[in-house]
Amino acid sequence: MTGRERDVLRLVATGAASTDVVRRLPGEATVQTHLNRAMAELGLSSSVQVVVFAYGPPS
C-alpha cells in the first residue's frame, strides 16, 4: 500500500468525509482512486469497514 493510500485511509478512518479528504489531499479523483485501491487491497467494501479495520477488533 502506498503512503498516499495510507493517508487517505487514515483520514476516512477518523470520520473525514470525502470532501474533507479532498481539502486535505487535493485531487478528488486521485483521492477516490487511492481509497478504492487501498480498500480492494484490504478486502474492504465500505468506509464503515475502513473505520473498523483502522481501530481493530474490540478488546
N, C-alpha and C. Protein backbone atom coordinates (compact mmCIF):
# COMPACT_ATOMS: atom_id res chain seq x y z
N MET A 1 0.86 -1.17 0.00
CA MET A 1 0.00 0.00 0.00
C MET A 1 0.91 1.23 0.00
N THR A 2 0.53 2.20 -0.80
CA THR A 2 1.34 3.41 -0.89
C THR A 2 1.09 4.32 0.30
N GLY A 3 2.00 5.26 0.49
CA GLY A 3 1.84 6.23 1.56
C GLY A 3 0.58 7.06 1.40
N ARG A 4 0.28 7.44 0.17
CA ARG A 4 -0.92 8.25 -0.08
C ARG A 4 -2.18 7.44 0.23
N GLU A 5 -2.18 6.16 -0.12
CA GLU A 5 -3.32 5.29 0.20
C GLU A 5 -3.50 5.22 1.72
N ARG A 6 -2.41 5.10 2.45
CA ARG A 6 -2.48 5.08 3.92
C ARG A 6 -3.02 6.41 4.45
N ASP A 7 -2.58 7.52 3.86
CA ASP A 7 -3.07 8.84 4.28
C ASP A 7 -4.58 8.94 4.10
N VAL A 8 -5.06 8.50 2.94
CA VAL A 8 -6.50 8.56 2.65
C VAL A 8 -7.26 7.66 3.63
N LEU A 9 -6.79 6.45 3.83
CA LEU A 9 -7.45 5.54 4.77
C LEU A 9 -7.49 6.12 6.18
N ARG A 10 -6.38 6.72 6.59
CA ARG A 10 -6.30 7.31 7.93
C ARG A 10 -7.35 8.40 8.10
N LEU A 11 -7.49 9.26 7.10
CA LEU A 11 -8.48 10.34 7.18
C LEU A 11 -9.90 9.79 7.19
N VAL A 12 -10.18 8.81 6.33
CA VAL A 12 -11.51 8.22 6.30
C VAL A 12 -11.80 7.54 7.63
N ALA A 13 -10.81 6.88 8.19
CA ALA A 13 -11.00 6.18 9.46
C ALA A 13 -11.28 7.13 10.61
N THR A 14 -10.85 8.38 10.51
CA THR A 14 -11.13 9.34 11.57
C THR A 14 -12.49 10.00 11.38
N GLY A 15 -13.21 9.58 10.34
CA GLY A 15 -14.54 10.11 10.12
C GLY A 15 -14.59 11.24 9.11
N ALA A 16 -13.48 11.54 8.47
CA ALA A 16 -13.46 12.61 7.48
C ALA A 16 -14.31 12.22 6.28
N ALA A 17 -15.17 13.15 5.86
CA ALA A 17 -15.97 12.94 4.65
C ALA A 17 -15.07 13.08 3.44
N SER A 18 -15.53 12.58 2.31
CA SER A 18 -14.73 12.67 1.08
C SER A 18 -14.32 14.10 0.78
N THR A 19 -15.23 15.05 1.00
CA THR A 19 -14.90 16.45 0.73
C THR A 19 -13.79 16.94 1.65
N ASP A 20 -13.77 16.47 2.90
CA ASP A 20 -12.70 16.84 3.83
C ASP A 20 -11.36 16.25 3.38
N VAL A 21 -11.41 15.02 2.92
CA VAL A 21 -10.18 14.36 2.45
C VAL A 21 -9.63 15.12 1.26
N VAL A 22 -10.50 15.53 0.35
CA VAL A 22 -10.06 16.25 -0.84
C VAL A 22 -9.44 17.59 -0.44
N ARG A 23 -10.02 18.26 0.55
CA ARG A 23 -9.45 19.53 1.01
C ARG A 23 -8.05 19.34 1.57
N ARG A 24 -7.86 18.25 2.28
CA ARG A 24 -6.55 17.99 2.89
C ARG A 24 -5.55 17.39 1.90
N LEU A 25 -6.06 16.58 0.99
CA LEU A 25 -5.23 15.92 -0.02
C LEU A 25 -5.83 16.21 -1.39
N PRO A 26 -5.51 17.35 -1.98
CA PRO A 26 -6.17 17.79 -3.21
C PRO A 26 -6.18 16.74 -4.33
N GLY A 27 -7.23 16.79 -5.13
CA GLY A 27 -7.38 15.90 -6.27
C GLY A 27 -8.44 14.86 -6.01
N GLU A 28 -9.69 15.23 -6.18
CA GLU A 28 -10.81 14.35 -5.82
C GLU A 28 -10.72 12.98 -6.48
N ALA A 29 -10.47 12.97 -7.78
CA ALA A 29 -10.40 11.68 -8.48
C ALA A 29 -9.25 10.84 -7.93
N THR A 30 -8.14 11.50 -7.64
CA THR A 30 -6.98 10.79 -7.11
C THR A 30 -7.27 10.23 -5.72
N VAL A 31 -7.92 11.02 -4.88
CA VAL A 31 -8.26 10.56 -3.53
C VAL A 31 -9.16 9.34 -3.61
N GLN A 32 -10.19 9.40 -4.46
CA GLN A 32 -11.10 8.27 -4.59
C GLN A 32 -10.38 7.04 -5.14
N THR A 33 -9.47 7.25 -6.07
CA THR A 33 -8.68 6.14 -6.62
C THR A 33 -7.83 5.50 -5.53
N HIS A 34 -7.15 6.33 -4.73
CA HIS A 34 -6.33 5.79 -3.64
C HIS A 34 -7.18 5.01 -2.64
N LEU A 35 -8.34 5.58 -2.31
CA LEU A 35 -9.22 4.91 -1.35
C LEU A 35 -9.69 3.57 -1.92
N ASN A 36 -10.13 3.57 -3.17
CA ASN A 36 -10.62 2.32 -3.78
C ASN A 36 -9.52 1.26 -3.85
N ARG A 37 -8.32 1.66 -4.21
CA ARG A 37 -7.21 0.70 -4.30
C ARG A 37 -6.87 0.12 -2.93
N ALA A 38 -6.80 1.00 -1.93
CA ALA A 38 -6.48 0.54 -0.58
C ALA A 38 -7.56 -0.39 -0.05
N MET A 39 -8.82 -0.03 -0.28
CA MET A 39 -9.92 -0.88 0.18
C MET A 39 -9.88 -2.23 -0.52
N ALA A 40 -9.61 -2.24 -1.81
CA ALA A 40 -9.53 -3.50 -2.55
C ALA A 40 -8.39 -4.36 -2.01
N GLU A 41 -7.26 -3.73 -1.74
CA GLU A 41 -6.10 -4.47 -1.24
C GLU A 41 -6.39 -5.09 0.13
N LEU A 42 -7.20 -4.39 0.92
CA LEU A 42 -7.53 -4.88 2.26
C LEU A 42 -8.80 -5.73 2.29
N GLY A 43 -9.49 -5.84 1.15
CA GLY A 43 -10.72 -6.62 1.10
C GLY A 43 -11.89 -5.94 1.77
N LEU A 44 -11.90 -4.60 1.76
CA LEU A 44 -12.96 -3.83 2.40
C LEU A 44 -13.90 -3.28 1.32
N SER A 45 -15.18 -3.14 1.69
CA SER A 45 -16.14 -2.68 0.68
C SER A 45 -16.90 -1.42 1.08
N SER A 46 -16.60 -0.85 2.27
CA SER A 46 -17.29 0.37 2.67
C SER A 46 -16.41 1.18 3.60
N SER A 47 -16.75 2.46 3.74
CA SER A 47 -15.98 3.31 4.65
C SER A 47 -16.18 2.88 6.10
N VAL A 48 -17.31 2.28 6.40
CA VAL A 48 -17.53 1.75 7.76
C VAL A 48 -16.51 0.65 8.04
N GLN A 49 -16.26 -0.20 7.07
CA GLN A 49 -15.27 -1.25 7.24
C GLN A 49 -13.87 -0.67 7.40
N VAL A 50 -13.60 0.46 6.75
CA VAL A 50 -12.31 1.13 6.90
C VAL A 50 -12.12 1.55 8.36
N VAL A 51 -13.14 2.13 8.94
CA VAL A 51 -13.06 2.57 10.33
C VAL A 51 -12.85 1.38 11.26
N VAL A 52 -13.62 0.32 11.06
CA VAL A 52 -13.48 -0.88 11.90
C VAL A 52 -12.07 -1.45 11.76
N PHE A 53 -11.58 -1.52 10.53
CA PHE A 53 -10.23 -2.03 10.29
C PHE A 53 -9.19 -1.16 10.99
N ALA A 54 -9.34 0.15 10.88
CA ALA A 54 -8.36 1.07 11.46
C ALA A 54 -8.29 0.97 12.98
N TYR A 55 -9.41 0.76 13.61
CA TYR A 55 -9.43 0.71 15.07
C TYR A 55 -9.26 -0.70 15.61
N GLY A 56 -9.34 -1.68 14.74
CA GLY A 56 -9.11 -3.06 15.14
C GLY A 56 -10.30 -3.65 15.88
N PRO A 57 -10.22 -4.93 16.19
CA PRO A 57 -11.32 -5.59 16.90
C PRO A 57 -11.43 -5.06 18.32
N PRO A 58 -12.63 -5.08 18.87
CA PRO A 58 -12.80 -4.62 20.25
C PRO A 58 -12.02 -5.52 21.20
N SER A 59 -11.51 -4.93 22.26
CA SER A 59 -10.73 -5.74 23.21
C SER A 59 -11.55 -6.09 24.42
